[in-house]
């Protein structure tokens, strides 16, 4: 008595294996292309009322960061909200820190929302 696996089962396993490999290649390809299409900016982190803001401007003073409110954001060249969908680690980063962010997209809103890919304290 030989244990033989039927041909339809072998075909099904090969098809599933092929689909898994194809899915894996697609994910790797998407990850590599997203890293090529990223841009970076340097600015300051402000945490205010549970929202993480990214501010940019010339001569940003620590006192301006400490007194930040979304209503008086016109002091700065640019104010954006960080959209941290990837749940990137903000460990070691606090309000007032100078950081570089890499992002994939800036969503049009007021203030703009930035889809962050990576964040690094300077």
C-alpha atoms as a PDB file:
ATOM      1  CA  UNK A   1       0.000   0.000   0.000  1.00  0.00           C
ATOM      2  CA  UNK A   2       1.535   3.190  -1.143  1.00  0.00           C
ATOM      3  CA  UNK A   3       0.352   6.480   0.231  1.00  0.00           C
ATOM      4  CA  UNK A   4      -0.155   8.609  -2.793  1.00  0.00           C
ATOM      5  CA  UNK A   5      -1.383  12.145  -2.725  1.00  0.00           C
ATOM      6  CA  UNK A   6      -3.987  12.777  -5.359  1.00  0.00           C
ATOM      7  CA  UNK A   7      -3.117  15.036  -8.269  1.00  0.00           C
ATOM      8  CA  UNK A   8      -5.820  17.682  -7.520  1.00  0.00           C
ATOM      9  CA  UNK A   9      -4.444  18.159  -3.996  1.00  0.00           C
ATOM     10  CA  UNK A  10      -0.892  18.597  -5.318  1.00  0.00           C
ATOM     11  CA  UNK A  11      -2.158  21.144  -7.860  1.00  0.00           C
ATOM     12  CA  UNK A  12      -4.037  23.045  -5.142  1.00  0.00           C
ATOM     13  CA  UNK A  13      -0.953  23.183  -2.882  1.00  0.00           C
ATOM     14  CA  UNK A  14       1.229  24.396  -5.763  1.00  0.00           C
ATOM     15  CA  UNK A  15      -1.333  27.068  -6.657  1.00  0.00           C
ATOM     16  CA  UNK A  16      -1.480  28.297  -3.049  1.00  0.00           C
ATOM     17  CA  UNK A  17       2.317  28.320  -2.833  1.00  0.00           C
ATOM     18  CA  UNK A  18       2.505  30.327  -6.064  1.00  0.00           C
ATOM     19  CA  UNK A  19      -0.035  32.865  -4.760  1.00  0.00           C
ATOM     20  CA  UNK A  20       1.862  33.296  -1.472  1.00  0.00           C
ATOM     21  CA  UNK A  21       5.139  33.889  -3.336  1.00  0.00           C
ATOM     22  CA  UNK A  22       3.417  36.366  -5.668  1.00  0.00           C
ATOM     23  CA  UNK A  23       1.905  38.232  -2.694  1.00  0.00           C
ATOM     24  CA  UNK A  24       5.311  38.380  -0.958  1.00  0.00           C
ATOM     25  CA  UNK A  25       7.030  39.755  -4.080  1.00  0.00           C
ATOM     26  CA  UNK A  26       4.302  42.401  -4.404  1.00  0.00           C
ATOM     27  CA  UNK A  27       4.765  43.539  -0.807  1.00  0.00           C
ATOM     28  CA  UNK A  28       8.543  43.770  -1.144  1.00  0.00           C
ATOM     29  CA  UNK A  29       8.183  45.699  -4.398  1.00  0.00           C
ATOM     30  CA  UNK A  30       5.728  48.141  -2.821  1.00  0.00           C
ATOM     31  CA  UNK A  31       8.008  48.687   0.183  1.00  0.00           C
ATOM     32  CA  UNK A  32      11.014  49.424  -2.019  1.00  0.00           C
ATOM     33  CA  UNK A  33       9.098  51.851  -4.233  1.00  0.00           C
ATOM     34  CA  UNK A  34       7.660  53.705  -1.219  1.00  0.00           C
ATOM     35  CA  UNK A  35      11.171  54.275   0.148  1.00  0.00           C
ATOM     36  CA  UNK A  36      12.252  55.755  -3.184  1.00  0.00           C
ATOM     37  CA  UNK A  37       9.342  58.211  -3.241  1.00  0.00           C
ATOM     38  CA  UNK A  38       9.865  59.713   0.196  1.00  0.00           C
ATOM     39  CA  UNK A  39      10.924  63.207   1.067  1.00  0.00           C
ATOM     40  CA  UNK A  40      12.332  64.591   4.286  1.00  0.00           C
ATOM     41  CA  UNK A  41      11.982  67.816   6.223  1.00  0.00           C
ATOM     42  CA  UNK A  42      13.600  69.263   9.331  1.00  0.00           C
ATOM     43  CA  UNK A  43      11.540  71.012  11.967  1.00  0.00           C
ATOM     44  CA  UNK A  44      10.343  70.920  15.561  1.00  0.00           C
ATOM     45  CA  UNK A  45       7.870  68.679  17.340  1.00  0.00           C
ATOM     46  CA  UNK A  46       5.139  70.292  19.415  1.00  0.00           C
ATOM     47  CA  UNK A  47       2.748  68.148  21.431  1.00  0.00           C
ATOM     48  CA  UNK A  48      -0.367  70.142  22.228  1.00  0.00           C
ATOM     49  CA  UNK A  49      -3.718  68.807  23.476  1.00  0.00           C
ATOM     50  CA  UNK A  50      -2.916  65.235  22.394  1.00  0.00           C
ATOM     51  CA  UNK A  51      -1.960  66.237  18.848  1.00  0.00           C
ATOM     52  CA  UNK A  52       1.592  66.053  17.502  1.00  0.00           C
ATOM     53  CA  UNK A  53       2.452  69.125  15.413  1.00  0.00           C
ATOM     54  CA  UNK A  54       5.455  69.571  13.132  1.00  0.00           C
ATOM     55  CA  UNK A  55       6.509  73.214  12.850  1.00  0.00           C
ATOM     56  CA  UNK A  56       9.065  74.820  10.594  1.00  0.00           C
ATOM     57  CA  UNK A  57      10.425  78.310  10.373  1.00  0.00           C
ATOM     58  CA  UNK A  58      13.443  80.516  10.637  1.00  0.00           C
ATOM     59  CA  UNK A  59      14.506  81.502  14.144  1.00  0.00           C
ATOM     60  CA  UNK A  60      12.036  79.270  15.981  1.00  0.00           C
ATOM     61  CA  UNK A  61      12.481  80.067  19.671  1.00  0.00           C
ATOM     62  CA  UNK A  62      11.914  77.669  22.551  1.00  0.00           C
ATOM     63  CA  UNK A  63       9.511  80.208  24.096  1.00  0.00           C
ATOM     64  CA  UNK A  64       7.412  80.132  20.901  1.00  0.00           C
ATOM     65  CA  UNK A  65       7.237  76.342  21.090  1.00  0.00           C
ATOM     66  CA  UNK A  66       6.257  76.393  24.770  1.00  0.00           C
ATOM     67  CA  UNK A  67       3.487  78.944  24.170  1.00  0.00           C
ATOM     68  CA  UNK A  68       2.241  77.163  21.025  1.00  0.00           C
ATOM     69  CA  UNK A  69      -1.486  77.032  20.427  1.00  0.00           C
ATOM     70  CA  UNK A  70      -3.194  76.044  17.199  1.00  0.00           C
ATOM     71  CA  UNK A  71      -4.828  79.496  17.127  1.00  0.00           C
ATOM     72  CA  UNK A  72      -1.500  81.378  17.025  1.00  0.00           C
ATOM     73  CA  UNK A  73       0.246  79.089  14.547  1.00  0.00           C
ATOM     74  CA  UNK A  74       0.732  81.960  12.065  1.00  0.00           C
ATOM     75  CA  UNK A  75       4.024  82.809  13.847  1.00  0.00           C
ATOM     76  CA  UNK A  76       5.648  79.896  12.052  1.00  0.00           C
ATOM     77  CA  UNK A  77       6.517  79.344   8.409  1.00  0.00           C
ATOM     78  CA  UNK A  78       4.706  75.999   8.339  1.00  0.00           C
ATOM     79  CA  UNK A  79       2.542  74.071  10.815  1.00  0.00           C
ATOM     80  CA  UNK A  80       1.421  70.517  10.079  1.00  0.00           C
ATOM     81  CA  UNK A  81      -0.096  67.640  12.001  1.00  0.00           C
ATOM     82  CA  UNK A  82       1.856  64.384  11.986  1.00  0.00           C
ATOM     83  CA  UNK A  83      -0.292  61.480  10.855  1.00  0.00           C
ATOM     84  CA  UNK A  84       1.415  58.532  12.539  1.00  0.00           C
ATOM     85  CA  UNK A  85      -0.574  55.654  10.990  1.00  0.00           C
ATOM     86  CA  UNK A  86       2.423  53.330  11.226  1.00  0.00           C
ATOM     87  CA  UNK A  87       2.583  53.922  14.996  1.00  0.00           C
ATOM     88  CA  UNK A  88       6.217  54.958  14.757  1.00  0.00           C
ATOM     89  CA  UNK A  89       8.105  55.094  17.998  1.00  0.00           C
ATOM     90  CA  UNK A  90       8.191  58.565  19.501  1.00  0.00           C
ATOM     91  CA  UNK A  91      10.375  57.239  22.335  1.00  0.00           C
ATOM     92  CA  UNK A  92      12.926  59.825  23.349  1.00  0.00           C
ATOM     93  CA  UNK A  93      11.185  62.592  21.397  1.00  0.00           C
ATOM     94  CA  UNK A  94       9.472  65.307  23.383  1.00  0.00           C
ATOM     95  CA  UNK A  95       7.856  68.627  22.643  1.00  0.00           C
ATOM     96  CA  UNK A  96      10.426  71.158  21.445  1.00  0.00           C
ATOM     97  CA  UNK A  97      12.843  68.629  19.950  1.00  0.00           C
ATOM     98  CA  UNK A  98      14.357  69.274  16.540  1.00  0.00           C
ATOM     99  CA  UNK A  99      13.650  66.308  14.247  1.00  0.00           C
ATOM    100  CA  UNK A 100      13.921  65.122  10.670  1.00  0.00           C
ATOM    101  CA  UNK A 101      10.868  63.366   9.283  1.00  0.00           C
ATOM    102  CA  UNK A 102      10.494  61.277   6.152  1.00  0.00           C
ATOM    103  CA  UNK A 103       7.028  61.254   4.660  1.00  0.00           C
ATOM    104  CA  UNK A 104       5.146  59.765   1.759  1.00  0.00           C
ATOM    105  CA  UNK A 105       2.336  62.260   1.365  1.00  0.00           C
ATOM    106  CA  UNK A 106       0.998  65.586   2.604  1.00  0.00           C
ATOM    107  CA  UNK A 107      -2.785  65.625   2.869  1.00  0.00           C
ATOM    108  CA  UNK A 108      -4.496  68.871   1.981  1.00  0.00           C
ATOM    109  CA  UNK A 109      -6.234  70.223   5.048  1.00  0.00           C
ATOM    110  CA  UNK A 110      -5.828  73.115   7.420  1.00  0.00           C
ATOM    111  CA  UNK A 111      -3.368  72.513   8.990  1.00  0.00           C
ATOM    112  CA  UNK A 112      -1.832  70.029   6.564  1.00  0.00           C
ATOM    113  CA  UNK A 113      -1.480  66.410   7.680  1.00  0.00           C
ATOM    114  CA  UNK A 114       1.773  64.603   6.911  1.00  0.00           C
ATOM    115  CA  UNK A 115       1.881  60.801   6.538  1.00  0.00           C
ATOM    116  CA  UNK A 116       5.119  60.035   8.363  1.00  0.00           C
ATOM    117  CA  UNK A 117       7.260  57.032   7.429  1.00  0.00           C
ATOM    118  CA  UNK A 118      10.228  57.673   9.705  1.00  0.00           C
ATOM    119  CA  UNK A 119      11.181  60.157  12.386  1.00  0.00           C
ATOM    120  CA  UNK A 120      14.640  60.874  13.792  1.00  0.00           C
ATOM    121  CA  UNK A 121      15.725  63.218  16.576  1.00  0.00           C
ATOM    122  CA  UNK A 122      18.492  65.615  15.505  1.00  0.00           C
END
